[in-house]
PDB file of all heavy atoms in Angstrom:
ATOM      1  N   VAL A   1      -3.901  -7.618  -6.630  1.00  0.00           N
ATOM      2  CA  VAL A   1      -4.260  -6.409  -5.898  1.00  0.00           C
ATOM      3  C   VAL A   1      -3.104  -5.967  -5.003  1.00  0.00           C
ATOM      4  O   VAL A   1      -2.792  -4.775  -4.902  1.00  0.00           O
ATOM      5  CB  VAL A   1      -5.565  -6.613  -5.085  1.00  0.00           C
ATOM      6  CG1 VAL A   1      -5.377  -7.623  -3.967  1.00  0.00           C
ATOM      7  CG2 VAL A   1      -6.054  -5.281  -4.545  1.00  0.00           C
ATOM      8  N   PHE A   2      -2.410  -6.916  -4.369  1.00  0.00           N
ATOM      9  CA  PHE A   2      -1.242  -6.574  -3.559  1.00  0.00           C
ATOM     10  C   PHE A   2      -0.087  -6.114  -4.445  1.00  0.00           C
ATOM     11  O   PHE A   2       0.541  -5.080  -4.204  1.00  0.00           O
ATOM     12  CB  PHE A   2      -0.786  -7.788  -2.738  1.00  0.00           C
ATOM     13  CG  PHE A   2      -1.738  -8.208  -1.660  1.00  0.00           C
ATOM     14  CD1 PHE A   2      -2.483  -9.366  -1.775  1.00  0.00           C
ATOM     15  CD2 PHE A   2      -1.880  -7.455  -0.502  1.00  0.00           C
ATOM     16  CE1 PHE A   2      -3.351  -9.771  -0.778  1.00  0.00           C
ATOM     17  CE2 PHE A   2      -2.745  -7.839   0.512  1.00  0.00           C
ATOM     18  CZ  PHE A   2      -3.485  -9.000   0.373  1.00  0.00           C
ATOM     19  N   ARG A   3       0.208  -6.899  -5.473  1.00  0.00           N
ATOM     20  CA  ARG A   3       1.348  -6.604  -6.336  1.00  0.00           C
ATOM     21  C   ARG A   3       1.220  -5.227  -6.979  1.00  0.00           C
ATOM     22  O   ARG A   3       2.185  -4.458  -7.042  1.00  0.00           O
ATOM     23  CB  ARG A   3       1.485  -7.675  -7.418  1.00  0.00           C
ATOM     24  CG  ARG A   3       2.781  -7.556  -8.202  1.00  0.00           C
ATOM     25  CD  ARG A   3       2.803  -8.337  -9.488  1.00  0.00           C
ATOM     26  NE  ARG A   3       2.204  -9.675  -9.399  1.00  0.00           N
ATOM     27  CZ  ARG A   3       2.206 -10.520 -10.426  1.00  0.00           C
ATOM     28  NH1 ARG A   3       2.757 -10.177 -11.570  1.00  0.00           N
ATOM     29  NH2 ARG A   3       1.639 -11.694 -10.304  1.00  0.00           N
ATOM     30  N   ASN A   4       0.024  -4.918  -7.447  1.00  0.00           N
ATOM     31  CA  ASN A   4      -0.187  -3.622  -8.090  1.00  0.00           C
ATOM     32  C   ASN A   4       0.021  -2.474  -7.114  1.00  0.00           C
ATOM     33  O   ASN A   4       0.628  -1.452  -7.454  1.00  0.00           O
ATOM     34  CB  ASN A   4      -1.596  -3.570  -8.684  1.00  0.00           C
ATOM     35  CG  ASN A   4      -1.885  -2.256  -9.378  1.00  0.00           C
ATOM     36  OD1 ASN A   4      -1.262  -1.905 -10.368  1.00  0.00           O
ATOM     37  ND2 ASN A   4      -2.849  -1.513  -8.845  1.00  0.00           N
ATOM     38  N   TYR A   5      -0.491  -2.618  -5.891  1.00  0.00           N
ATOM     39  CA  TYR A   5      -0.265  -1.584  -4.883  1.00  0.00           C
ATOM     40  C   TYR A   5       1.226  -1.406  -4.597  1.00  0.00           C
ATOM     41  O   TYR A   5       1.730  -0.286  -4.517  1.00  0.00           O
ATOM     42  CB  TYR A   5      -0.994  -1.931  -3.585  1.00  0.00           C
ATOM     43  CG  TYR A   5      -2.474  -1.640  -3.591  1.00  0.00           C
ATOM     44  CD1 TYR A   5      -3.373  -2.520  -2.995  1.00  0.00           C
ATOM     45  CD2 TYR A   5      -2.982  -0.478  -4.175  1.00  0.00           C
ATOM     46  CE1 TYR A   5      -4.739  -2.260  -2.986  1.00  0.00           C
ATOM     47  CE2 TYR A   5      -4.348  -0.208  -4.161  1.00  0.00           C
ATOM     48  CZ  TYR A   5      -5.219  -1.107  -3.572  1.00  0.00           C
ATOM     49  OH  TYR A   5      -6.566  -0.838  -3.555  1.00  0.00           O
ATOM     50  N   PHE A   6       1.948  -2.513  -4.442  1.00  0.00           N
ATOM     51  CA  PHE A   6       3.365  -2.416  -4.116  1.00  0.00           C
ATOM     52  C   PHE A   6       4.154  -1.800  -5.266  1.00  0.00           C
ATOM     53  O   PHE A   6       5.069  -0.993  -5.046  1.00  0.00           O
ATOM     54  CB  PHE A   6       3.925  -3.799  -3.764  1.00  0.00           C
ATOM     55  CG  PHE A   6       3.269  -4.453  -2.579  1.00  0.00           C
ATOM     56  CD1 PHE A   6       3.237  -5.832  -2.442  1.00  0.00           C
ATOM     57  CD2 PHE A   6       2.668  -3.686  -1.583  1.00  0.00           C
ATOM     58  CE1 PHE A   6       2.634  -6.436  -1.353  1.00  0.00           C
ATOM     59  CE2 PHE A   6       2.047  -4.283  -0.481  1.00  0.00           C
ATOM     60  CZ  PHE A   6       2.034  -5.661  -0.372  1.00  0.00           C
ATOM     61  N   GLU A   7       3.805  -2.174  -6.499  1.00  0.00           N
ATOM     62  CA  GLU A   7       4.512  -1.637  -7.662  1.00  0.00           C
ATOM     63  C   GLU A   7       4.237  -0.154  -7.875  1.00  0.00           C
ATOM     64  O   GLU A   7       5.068   0.560  -8.451  1.00  0.00           O
ATOM     65  CB  GLU A   7       4.119  -2.415  -8.923  1.00  0.00           C
ATOM     66  CG  GLU A   7       4.636  -3.838  -8.959  1.00  0.00           C
ATOM     67  CD  GLU A   7       4.113  -4.626 -10.147  1.00  0.00           C
ATOM     68  OE1 GLU A   7       3.197  -4.145 -10.847  1.00  0.00           O
ATOM     69  OE2 GLU A   7       4.610  -5.741 -10.364  1.00  0.00           O
ATOM     70  N   ASN A   8       3.080   0.303  -7.432  1.00  0.00           N
ATOM     71  CA  ASN A   8       2.675   1.699  -7.649  1.00  0.00           C
ATOM     72  C   ASN A   8       2.488   2.437  -6.333  1.00  0.00           C
ATOM     73  O   ASN A   8       1.672   3.366  -6.246  1.00  0.00           O
ATOM     74  CB  ASN A   8       1.368   1.739  -8.454  1.00  0.00           C
ATOM     75  CG  ASN A   8       1.531   1.241  -9.874  1.00  0.00           C
ATOM     76  OD1 ASN A   8       2.104   1.921 -10.713  1.00  0.00           O
ATOM     77  ND2 ASN A   8       1.034   0.045 -10.141  1.00  0.00           N
ATOM     78  N   ALA A   9       3.255   2.065  -5.325  1.00  0.00           N
ATOM     79  CA  ALA A   9       3.059   2.620  -3.978  1.00  0.00           C
ATOM     80  C   ALA A   9       3.085   4.145  -3.976  1.00  0.00           C
ATOM     81  O   ALA A   9       2.261   4.794  -3.312  1.00  0.00           O
ATOM     82  CB  ALA A   9       4.121   2.071  -3.027  1.00  0.00           C
ATOM     83  N   GLU A  10       3.997   4.727  -4.739  1.00  0.00           N
ATOM     84  CA  GLU A  10       4.122   6.190  -4.728  1.00  0.00           C
ATOM     85  C   GLU A  10       2.907   6.875  -5.336  1.00  0.00           C
ATOM     86  O   GLU A  10       2.704   8.079  -5.144  1.00  0.00           O
ATOM     87  CB  GLU A  10       5.390   6.606  -5.490  1.00  0.00           C
ATOM     88  CG  GLU A  10       5.335   6.457  -7.003  1.00  0.00           C
ATOM     89  CD  GLU A  10       5.505   5.021  -7.499  1.00  0.00           C
ATOM     90  OE1 GLU A  10       5.729   4.116  -6.644  1.00  0.00           O
ATOM     91  OE2 GLU A  10       5.414   4.788  -8.724  1.00  0.00           O
ATOM     92  N   ARG A  11       2.066   6.128  -6.029  1.00  0.00           N
ATOM     93  CA  ARG A  11       0.875   6.691  -6.655  1.00  0.00           C
ATOM     94  C   ARG A  11      -0.368   6.523  -5.771  1.00  0.00           C
ATOM     95  O   ARG A  11      -1.446   6.981  -6.131  1.00  0.00           O
ATOM     96  CB  ARG A  11       0.654   6.047  -8.030  1.00  0.00           C
ATOM     97  CG  ARG A  11       1.897   6.093  -8.896  1.00  0.00           C
ATOM     98  CD  ARG A  11       1.696   5.487 -10.251  1.00  0.00           C
ATOM     99  NE  ARG A  11       1.122   6.451 -11.174  1.00  0.00           N
ATOM    100  CZ  ARG A  11       0.990   6.227 -12.495  1.00  0.00           C
ATOM    101  NH1 ARG A  11       1.379   5.081 -13.017  1.00  0.00           N
ATOM    102  NH2 ARG A  11       0.456   7.152 -13.269  1.00  0.00           N
ATOM    103  N   PHE A  12      -0.197   5.847  -4.636  1.00  0.00           N
ATOM    104  CA  PHE A  12      -1.294   5.638  -3.695  1.00  0.00           C
ATOM    105  C   PHE A  12      -1.034   6.272  -2.329  1.00  0.00           C
ATOM    106  O   PHE A  12      -1.963   6.828  -1.716  1.00  0.00           O
ATOM    107  CB  PHE A  12      -1.558   4.141  -3.496  1.00  0.00           C
ATOM    108  CG  PHE A  12      -2.213   3.465  -4.669  1.00  0.00           C
ATOM    109  CD1 PHE A  12      -1.448   2.846  -5.651  1.00  0.00           C
ATOM    110  CD2 PHE A  12      -3.587   3.447  -4.806  1.00  0.00           C
ATOM    111  CE1 PHE A  12      -2.044   2.217  -6.743  1.00  0.00           C
ATOM    112  CE2 PHE A  12      -4.199   2.830  -5.887  1.00  0.00           C
ATOM    113  CZ  PHE A  12      -3.430   2.211  -6.865  1.00  0.00           C
ATOM    114  N   VAL A  13       0.193   6.163  -1.828  1.00  0.00           N
ATOM    115  CA  VAL A  13       0.502   6.641  -0.477  1.00  0.00           C
ATOM    116  C   VAL A  13       0.210   8.136  -0.360  1.00  0.00           C
ATOM    117  O   VAL A  13       0.647   8.934  -1.199  1.00  0.00           O
ATOM    118  CB  VAL A  13       1.966   6.358  -0.104  1.00  0.00           C
ATOM    119  CG1 VAL A  13       2.318   7.027   1.226  1.00  0.00           C
ATOM    120  CG2 VAL A  13       2.202   4.855  -0.006  1.00  0.00           C
ATOM    121  N   GLY A  14      -0.561   8.464   0.671  1.00  0.00           N
ATOM    122  CA  GLY A  14      -0.967   9.855   0.880  1.00  0.00           C
ATOM    123  C   GLY A  14      -2.419  10.094   0.552  1.00  0.00           C
ATOM    124  O   GLY A  14      -2.959  11.160   0.848  1.00  0.00           O
ATOM    125  N   ILE A  15      -3.073   9.094  -0.044  1.00  0.00           N
ATOM    126  CA  ILE A  15      -4.497   9.185  -0.384  1.00  0.00           C
ATOM    127  C   ILE A  15      -5.279   8.323   0.609  1.00  0.00           C
ATOM    128  O   ILE A  15      -5.087   7.117   0.690  1.00  0.00           O
ATOM    129  CB  ILE A  15      -4.772   8.696  -1.818  1.00  0.00           C
ATOM    130  CG1 ILE A  15      -3.932   9.459  -2.839  1.00  0.00           C
ATOM    131  CG2 ILE A  15      -6.260   8.794  -2.130  1.00  0.00           C
ATOM    132  CD1 ILE A  15      -4.278  10.904  -2.991  1.00  0.00           C
ATOM    133  N   GLY A  16      -6.159   8.956   1.396  1.00  0.00           N
ATOM    134  CA  GLY A  16      -7.004   8.204   2.318  1.00  0.00           C
ATOM    135  C   GLY A  16      -6.203   7.330   3.264  1.00  0.00           C
ATOM    136  O   GLY A  16      -5.239   7.777   3.889  1.00  0.00           O
ATOM    137  N   ASN A  17      -6.584   6.036   3.343  1.00  0.00           N
ATOM    138  CA  ASN A  17      -5.869   5.129   4.252  1.00  0.00           C
ATOM    139  C   ASN A  17      -4.691   4.435   3.569  1.00  0.00           C
ATOM    140  O   ASN A  17      -4.153   3.449   4.084  1.00  0.00           O
ATOM    141  CB  ASN A  17      -6.819   4.102   4.873  1.00  0.00           C
ATOM    142  CG  ASN A  17      -7.357   3.104   3.857  1.00  0.00           C
ATOM    143  OD1 ASN A  17      -7.132   3.237   2.655  1.00  0.00           O
ATOM    144  ND2 ASN A  17      -8.088   2.109   4.341  1.00  0.00           N
ATOM    145  N   TYR A  18      -4.307   4.954   2.417  1.00  0.00           N
ATOM    146  CA  TYR A  18      -3.078   4.469   1.784  1.00  0.00           C
ATOM    147  C   TYR A  18      -1.898   5.182   2.442  1.00  0.00           C
ATOM    148  O   TYR A  18      -1.376   6.179   1.942  1.00  0.00           O
ATOM    149  CB  TYR A  18      -3.098   4.729   0.277  1.00  0.00           C
ATOM    150  CG  TYR A  18      -4.137   3.930  -0.469  1.00  0.00           C
ATOM    151  CD1 TYR A  18      -5.282   4.540  -0.973  1.00  0.00           C
ATOM    152  CD2 TYR A  18      -3.972   2.561  -0.673  1.00  0.00           C
ATOM    153  CE1 TYR A  18      -6.236   3.806  -1.658  1.00  0.00           C
ATOM    154  CE2 TYR A  18      -4.927   1.824  -1.359  1.00  0.00           C
ATOM    155  CZ  TYR A  18      -6.051   2.452  -1.846  1.00  0.00           C
ATOM    156  OH  TYR A  18      -6.998   1.720  -2.524  1.00  0.00           O
ATOM    157  N   THR A  19      -1.491   4.664   3.579  1.00  0.00           N
ATOM    158  CA  THR A  19      -0.401   5.227   4.357  1.00  0.00           C
ATOM    159  C   THR A  19       0.745   4.216   4.395  1.00  0.00           C
ATOM    160  O   THR A  19       0.593   3.052   3.994  1.00  0.00           O
ATOM    161  CB  THR A  19      -0.856   5.511   5.787  1.00  0.00           C
ATOM    162  OG1 THR A  19      -1.243   4.258   6.400  1.00  0.00           O
ATOM    163  CG2 THR A  19      -2.059   6.465   5.807  1.00  0.00           C
ATOM    164  N   GLU A  20       1.874   4.658   4.895  1.00  0.00           N
ATOM    165  CA  GLU A  20       2.994   3.725   5.059  1.00  0.00           C
ATOM    166  C   GLU A  20       2.596   2.589   5.997  1.00  0.00           C
ATOM    167  O   GLU A  20       2.945   1.429   5.767  1.00  0.00           O
ATOM    168  CB  GLU A  20       4.219   4.462   5.602  1.00  0.00           C
ATOM    169  CG  GLU A  20       4.815   5.494   4.644  1.00  0.00           C
ATOM    170  CD  GLU A  20       5.467   4.869   3.412  1.00  0.00           C
ATOM    171  OE1 GLU A  20       5.597   3.624   3.372  1.00  0.00           O
ATOM    172  OE2 GLU A  20       5.837   5.615   2.489  1.00  0.00           O
ATOM    173  N   GLU A  21       1.850   2.922   7.047  1.00  0.00           N
ATOM    174  CA  GLU A  21       1.387   1.894   7.982  1.00  0.00           C
ATOM    175  C   GLU A  21       0.424   0.935   7.300  1.00  0.00           C
ATOM    176  O   GLU A  21       0.460  -0.279   7.531  1.00  0.00           O
ATOM    177  CB  GLU A  21       0.715   2.538   9.191  1.00  0.00           C
ATOM    178  CG  GLU A  21       1.635   3.374  10.073  1.00  0.00           C
ATOM    179  CD  GLU A  21       1.925   4.755   9.488  1.00  0.00           C
ATOM    180  OE1 GLU A  21       1.271   5.147   8.478  1.00  0.00           O
ATOM    181  OE2 GLU A  21       2.809   5.436  10.025  1.00  0.00           O
ATOM    182  N   GLY A  22      -0.448   1.490   6.445  1.00  0.00           N
ATOM    183  CA  GLY A  22      -1.389   0.649   5.713  1.00  0.00           C
ATOM    184  C   GLY A  22      -0.687  -0.312   4.769  1.00  0.00           C
ATOM    185  O   GLY A  22      -1.068  -1.481   4.641  1.00  0.00           O
ATOM    186  N   PHE A  23       0.364   0.182   4.108  1.00  0.00           N
ATOM    187  CA  PHE A  23       1.122  -0.690   3.206  1.00  0.00           C
ATOM    188  C   PHE A  23       1.849  -1.774   3.997  1.00  0.00           C
ATOM    189  O   PHE A  23       1.982  -2.915   3.531  1.00  0.00           O
ATOM    190  CB  PHE A  23       2.093   0.133   2.358  1.00  0.00           C
ATOM    191  CG  PHE A  23       1.501   0.551   1.041  1.00  0.00           C
ATOM    192  CD1 PHE A  23       0.499   1.512   0.977  1.00  0.00           C
ATOM    193  CD2 PHE A  23       1.914  -0.042  -0.142  1.00  0.00           C
ATOM    194  CE1 PHE A  23      -0.057   1.887  -0.233  1.00  0.00           C
ATOM    195  CE2 PHE A  23       1.358   0.318  -1.355  1.00  0.00           C
ATOM    196  CZ  PHE A  23       0.365   1.286  -1.406  1.00  0.00           C
ATOM    197  N   ALA A  24       2.322  -1.438   5.195  1.00  0.00           N
ATOM    198  CA  ALA A  24       2.952  -2.451   6.039  1.00  0.00           C
ATOM    199  C   ALA A  24       1.946  -3.540   6.397  1.00  0.00           C
ATOM    200  O   ALA A  24       2.287  -4.741   6.420  1.00  0.00           O
ATOM    201  CB  ALA A  24       3.508  -1.795   7.303  1.00  0.00           C
ATOM    202  N   GLN A  25       0.699  -3.132   6.665  1.00  0.00           N
ATOM    203  CA  GLN A  25      -0.354  -4.108   6.960  1.00  0.00           C
ATOM    204  C   GLN A  25      -0.583  -5.034   5.761  1.00  0.00           C
ATOM    205  O   GLN A  25      -0.784  -6.242   5.923  1.00  0.00           O
ATOM    206  CB  GLN A  25      -1.654  -3.388   7.318  1.00  0.00           C
ATOM    207  CG  GLN A  25      -1.635  -2.689   8.661  1.00  0.00           C
ATOM    208  CD  GLN A  25      -2.054  -3.602   9.802  1.00  0.00           C
ATOM    209  OE1 GLN A  25      -1.965  -4.821   9.705  1.00  0.00           O
ATOM    210  NE2 GLN A  25      -2.489  -3.002  10.898  1.00  0.00           N
ATOM    211  N   MET A  26      -0.558  -4.466   4.554  1.00  0.00           N
ATOM    212  CA  MET A  26      -0.772  -5.288   3.363  1.00  0.00           C
ATOM    213  C   MET A  26       0.367  -6.279   3.163  1.00  0.00           C
ATOM    214  O   MET A  26       0.149  -7.417   2.727  1.00  0.00           O
ATOM    215  CB  MET A  26      -0.943  -4.403   2.130  1.00  0.00           C
ATOM    216  CG  MET A  26      -2.281  -3.685   2.064  1.00  0.00           C
ATOM    217  SD  MET A  26      -2.666  -3.015   0.421  1.00  0.00           S
ATOM    218  CE  MET A  26      -1.492  -1.661   0.311  1.00  0.00           C
ATOM    219  N   ARG A  27       1.590  -5.861   3.469  1.00  0.00           N
ATOM    220  CA  ARG A  27       2.731  -6.770   3.307  1.00  0.00           C
ATOM    221  C   ARG A  27       2.631  -7.948   4.281  1.00  0.00           C
ATOM    222  O   ARG A  27       3.034  -9.069   3.954  1.00  0.00           O
ATOM    223  CB  ARG A  27       4.036  -6.011   3.488  1.00  0.00           C
ATOM    224  CG  ARG A  27       4.291  -4.999   2.377  1.00  0.00           C
ATOM    225  CD  ARG A  27       5.676  -4.382   2.433  1.00  0.00           C
ATOM    226  NE  ARG A  27       5.804  -3.318   1.450  1.00  0.00           N
ATOM    227  CZ  ARG A  27       6.034  -3.503   0.156  1.00  0.00           C
ATOM    228  NH1 ARG A  27       6.175  -4.736  -0.309  1.00  0.00           N
ATOM    229  NH2 ARG A  27       6.136  -2.479  -0.666  1.00  0.00           N
ATOM    230  N   VAL A  28       2.074  -7.702   5.435  1.00  0.00           N
ATOM    231  CA  VAL A  28       1.839  -8.789   6.393  1.00  0.00           C
ATOM    232  C   VAL A  28       0.684  -9.669   5.916  1.00  0.00           C
ATOM    233  O   VAL A  28       0.709 -10.901   6.075  1.00  0.00           O
ATOM    234  CB  VAL A  28       1.541  -8.215   7.792  1.00  0.00           C
ATOM    235  CG1 VAL A  28       1.072  -9.314   8.734  1.00  0.00           C
ATOM    236  CG2 VAL A  28       2.773  -7.520   8.356  1.00  0.00           C
ATOM    237  N   ALA A  29      -0.323  -9.046   5.315  1.00  0.00           N
ATOM    238  CA  ALA A  29      -1.537  -9.771   4.935  1.00  0.00           C
ATOM    239  C   ALA A  29      -1.337 -10.678   3.734  1.00  0.00           C
ATOM    240  O   ALA A  29      -1.991 -11.729   3.639  1.00  0.00           O
ATOM    241  CB  ALA A  29      -2.668  -8.787   4.652  1.00  0.00           C
ATOM    242  N   GLN A  30      -0.466 -10.310   2.777  1.00  0.00           N
ATOM    243  CA  GLN A  30      -0.368 -11.104   1.559  1.00  0.00           C
ATOM    244  C   GLN A  30       0.006 -12.564   1.823  1.00  0.00           C
ATOM    245  O   GLN A  30      -0.668 -13.468   1.302  1.00  0.00           O
ATOM    246  CB  GLN A  30       0.585 -10.496   0.545  1.00  0.00           C
ATOM    247  CG  GLN A  30       0.573 -11.291  -0.765  1.00  0.00           C
ATOM    248  CD  GLN A  30       1.387 -10.670  -1.867  1.00  0.00           C
ATOM    249  OE1 GLN A  30       2.329  -9.926  -1.616  1.00  0.00           O
ATOM    250  NE2 GLN A  30       1.021 -10.972  -3.109  1.00  0.00           N
TER     251      GLN A  30
END
C-alpha cells in the first residue's frame, strides 16, 4: 500500500487528503 502510493504519487496527490504533507506522513509511517 505504501509502495504503490509512492510509485504513483502523481496520480494521487491533489485528490482529497492525498497531499504532499500526507505523503510525508506515510513516509514516516512505513
